[in-house]
Amino acid sequence: CFLIRNNGACSLLVLLVSATCVLADGWTPDHFPMKEGHTWIYRYRVRFGQGPEVESLRVKSVRLDVDRAFGGRCHLLSDPRGDDYAFRSDEEGLFVEGEVKPDGQVVKFDPPMAYVTKTMDVGQPVESTHQTVEGEVRGLAERLGREDVEVPAGRFSDCLINRFTYWRGSNGFSIENAFARGVGPVRR
């Protein structure tokens, strides 16, 4: 589930994993409104390669790129374990600019990795390769369709669902997200 905290107001969104939901007219920044202090709490399931699925509870909070490691154009989506990913959400889409390791090392993706773009269509994935100080990483972003999503926290219409697959060497993982306008991810 997600807990979105904004200016002291809290909303609890229970997320169901392995669901399918997609946006009607295309991406807008309102599908992932990232403002300082927004927080999401969710159940995270991931499978690396052919290994077993691993589940954990994750907390992600938005904070500004205060040290301007990514030129000040990104927000860092951080968790207490030290995993910080630099996201840029704008009219063109949602992009991963890089990550900040727990030891403070900045890893920039060149070019930024597309997570979802305004021009993506169902059945036309966006594949990309990026060079980092750690070597090559690959990403595959897929728009899966449209759907209204109903979770215990309520009904969300006009959701955008995408699948994002990420590989570093032979290790990879896939994540499906449902994005609701004005809220952000409501199901993962």
Protein backbone atom coordinates (compact mmCIF):
# COMPACT_ATOMS: atom_id res chain seq x y z
CA CYS A 1 0.00 0.00 0.00
CA PHE A 2 0.98 3.64 -0.39
CA LEU A 3 0.75 6.34 2.23
CA ILE A 4 0.86 9.73 0.60
CA ARG A 5 1.69 12.53 3.00
CA ASN A 6 1.28 16.10 1.84
CA ASN A 7 1.12 19.14 4.12
CA GLY A 8 0.00 16.99 7.05
CA ALA A 9 -2.91 15.40 5.17
CA CYS A 10 -2.64 11.65 4.82
CA SER A 11 -4.34 9.24 2.47
CA LEU A 12 -3.87 5.51 2.61
CA LEU A 13 -3.93 3.70 -0.69
CA VAL A 14 -3.82 -0.06 -0.65
CA LEU A 15 -2.03 -1.40 -3.67
CA LEU A 16 -2.57 -4.71 -5.32
CA VAL A 17 0.48 -6.04 -7.09
CA SER A 18 0.31 -7.60 -10.53
CA ALA A 19 -2.59 -5.47 -11.73
CA THR A 20 -3.08 -3.75 -15.04
CA CYS A 21 -4.17 -0.12 -15.45
CA VAL A 22 -3.37 2.53 -18.05
CA LEU A 23 -3.86 6.17 -18.91
CA ALA A 24 -6.36 7.46 -21.44
CA ASP A 25 -4.82 10.46 -23.19
CA GLY A 26 -1.13 10.06 -22.46
CA TRP A 27 1.36 11.11 -19.82
CA THR A 28 1.15 14.37 -17.89
CA PRO A 29 3.37 15.38 -14.92
CA ASP A 30 0.21 15.19 -12.80
CA HIS A 31 0.44 11.37 -13.02
CA PHE A 32 3.41 11.47 -10.66
CA PRO A 33 3.29 14.75 -8.73
CA MET A 34 6.60 14.85 -6.90
CA LYS A 35 6.80 17.50 -4.23
CA GLU A 36 9.17 17.73 -1.30
CA GLY A 37 7.78 15.63 1.56
CA HIS A 38 5.46 13.35 -0.42
CA THR A 39 5.82 9.83 0.95
CA TRP A 40 4.71 6.46 -0.39
CA ILE A 41 4.67 3.26 1.66
CA TYR A 42 4.18 0.15 -0.42
CA ARG A 43 4.67 -3.59 -0.61
CA TYR A 44 7.57 -4.22 -2.97
CA ARG A 45 7.95 -7.48 -4.88
CA VAL A 46 10.88 -8.10 -7.15
CA ARG A 47 12.50 -11.06 -8.88
CA PHE A 48 16.14 -10.86 -9.97
CA GLY A 49 16.86 -13.05 -12.96
CA GLN A 50 15.50 -16.56 -12.43
CA GLY A 51 15.67 -16.31 -8.64
CA PRO A 52 12.72 -16.40 -6.23
CA GLU A 53 10.37 -13.45 -5.82
CA VAL A 54 11.33 -11.34 -2.79
CA GLU A 55 8.84 -9.13 -0.96
CA SER A 56 9.49 -6.28 1.45
CA LEU A 57 7.80 -3.14 2.74
CA ARG A 58 9.36 0.01 1.32
CA VAL A 59 9.06 3.67 2.22
CA LYS A 60 9.93 6.21 -0.46
CA SER A 61 10.03 9.95 0.19
CA VAL A 62 10.57 12.80 -2.22
CA ARG A 63 13.35 15.22 -1.49
CA LEU A 64 15.00 17.85 -3.61
CA ASP A 65 18.34 17.34 -5.33
CA VAL A 66 19.79 19.85 -2.85
CA ASP A 67 23.41 19.13 -3.71
CA ARG A 68 22.43 19.60 -7.38
CA ALA A 69 24.13 16.35 -8.36
CA PHE A 70 21.62 16.14 -11.19
CA GLY A 71 21.57 19.82 -12.11
CA GLY A 72 18.70 20.66 -9.78
CA ARG A 73 16.12 19.42 -12.30
CA CYS A 74 15.32 16.20 -10.44
CA HIS A 75 13.68 15.01 -7.28
CA LEU A 76 15.28 12.19 -5.36
CA LEU A 77 12.96 9.33 -4.46
CA SER A 78 14.66 8.06 -1.30
CA ASP A 79 14.21 5.27 1.18
CA PRO A 80 15.76 4.72 4.64
CA ARG A 81 18.07 2.00 3.25
CA GLY A 82 19.91 4.66 1.27
CA ASP A 83 18.53 3.83 -2.18
CA ASP A 84 18.04 7.22 -3.85
CA TYR A 85 16.88 7.43 -7.45
CA ALA A 86 16.79 10.75 -9.29
CA PHE A 87 13.50 11.15 -11.18
CA ARG A 88 12.44 13.92 -13.51
CA SER A 89 8.71 14.26 -14.16
CA ASP A 90 7.78 16.78 -16.84
CA GLU A 91 5.65 17.19 -19.97
CA GLU A 92 7.84 14.71 -21.87
CA GLY A 93 7.45 11.89 -19.35
CA LEU A 94 8.98 10.29 -16.28
CA PHE A 95 12.73 9.72 -16.53
CA VAL A 96 15.35 8.19 -14.24
CA GLU A 97 18.39 10.47 -14.35
CA GLY A 98 20.50 8.23 -12.12
CA GLU A 99 20.99 7.13 -8.54
CA VAL A 100 22.86 8.08 -5.40
CA LYS A 101 24.43 5.11 -3.65
CA PRO A 102 24.36 4.76 0.18
CA ASP A 103 28.03 5.84 0.26
CA GLY A 104 27.13 9.08 -1.58
CA GLN A 105 28.47 8.03 -4.98
CA VAL A 106 26.45 9.64 -7.79
CA VAL A 107 25.70 7.40 -10.78
CA LYS A 108 24.28 9.36 -13.73
CA PHE A 109 22.47 7.62 -16.57
CA ASP A 110 23.61 8.99 -19.92
CA PRO A 111 21.15 9.53 -21.49
CA PRO A 112 18.40 9.48 -18.82
CA MET A 113 16.30 6.31 -18.74
CA ALA A 114 12.69 6.64 -19.93
CA TYR A 115 10.23 5.17 -17.40
CA VAL A 116 7.15 6.36 -19.30
CA THR A 117 6.90 8.95 -22.08
CA LYS A 118 4.04 11.00 -23.48
CA THR A 119 4.56 9.45 -26.92
CA MET A 120 4.50 5.80 -25.80
CA ASP A 121 1.76 3.67 -27.31
CA VAL A 122 0.53 0.24 -26.26
CA GLY A 123 2.64 -2.41 -27.96
CA GLN A 124 5.50 -0.04 -28.79
CA PRO A 125 8.07 -0.33 -25.99
CA VAL A 126 10.88 2.17 -25.54
CA GLU A 127 14.22 0.42 -25.16
CA SER A 128 17.35 2.24 -24.08
CA THR A 129 20.97 1.67 -23.12
CA HIS A 130 22.81 3.93 -20.73
CA GLN A 131 26.43 4.29 -19.72
CA THR A 132 27.27 4.83 -16.06
CA VAL A 133 30.47 4.77 -14.03
CA GLU A 134 29.50 1.18 -13.17
CA GLY A 135 29.11 0.12 -16.80
CA GLU A 136 26.14 -0.36 -19.06
CA VAL A 137 22.53 -0.47 -17.84
CA ARG A 138 19.51 -1.20 -20.03
CA GLY A 139 15.89 -0.21 -19.65
CA LEU A 140 12.65 -1.22 -21.34
CA ALA A 141 9.52 0.87 -20.75
CA GLU A 142 6.14 -0.47 -21.92
CA ARG A 143 2.71 1.13 -21.84
CA LEU A 144 0.17 -1.61 -21.18
CA GLY A 145 -3.21 0.08 -21.70
CA ARG A 146 -6.01 1.90 -19.83
CA GLU A 147 -8.18 0.98 -16.94
CA ASP A 148 -9.98 2.35 -13.94
CA VAL A 149 -8.45 1.04 -10.73
CA GLU A 150 -10.35 0.19 -7.59
CA VAL A 151 -8.46 -0.37 -4.35
CA PRO A 152 -9.68 -0.22 -0.73
CA ALA A 153 -8.77 3.50 -0.64
CA GLY A 154 -11.16 4.24 -3.52
CA ARG A 155 -11.66 4.23 -7.26
CA PHE A 156 -9.20 5.94 -9.58
CA SER A 157 -10.16 6.58 -13.18
CA ASP A 158 -7.97 7.22 -16.21
CA CYS A 159 -4.94 5.40 -14.81
CA LEU A 160 -1.73 4.93 -16.73
CA ILE A 161 -0.12 1.55 -16.30
CA ASN A 162 3.35 0.78 -17.45
CA ARG A 163 5.92 -1.93 -16.99
CA PHE A 164 9.53 -0.98 -16.53
CA THR A 165 12.31 -3.55 -16.86
CA TYR A 166 15.85 -2.71 -15.82
CA TRP A 167 19.07 -4.71 -16.32
CA ARG A 168 22.55 -4.17 -14.98
CA GLY A 169 24.70 -6.89 -16.47
CA SER A 170 22.77 -10.17 -16.29
CA ASN A 171 20.67 -9.02 -13.29
CA GLY A 172 17.32 -7.45 -13.98
CA PHE A 173 13.87 -6.81 -12.58
CA SER A 174 10.45 -5.64 -13.77
CA ILE A 175 7.94 -3.38 -12.04
CA GLU A 176 4.38 -2.55 -13.08
CA ASN A 177 2.92 0.76 -11.89
CA ALA A 178 -0.55 2.28 -12.12
CA PHE A 179 -0.42 6.10 -12.09
CA ALA A 180 -3.53 8.13 -11.22
CA ARG A 181 -3.72 11.83 -12.08
CA GLY A 182 -3.13 14.07 -9.10
CA VAL A 183 -2.10 11.15 -6.89
CA GLY A 184 0.81 9.26 -8.45
CA PRO A 185 1.28 5.50 -8.18
CA VAL A 186 -1.79 3.80 -6.70
CA ARG A 187 -0.88 0.21 -7.41
CA ARG A 188 2.45 -1.53 -7.89
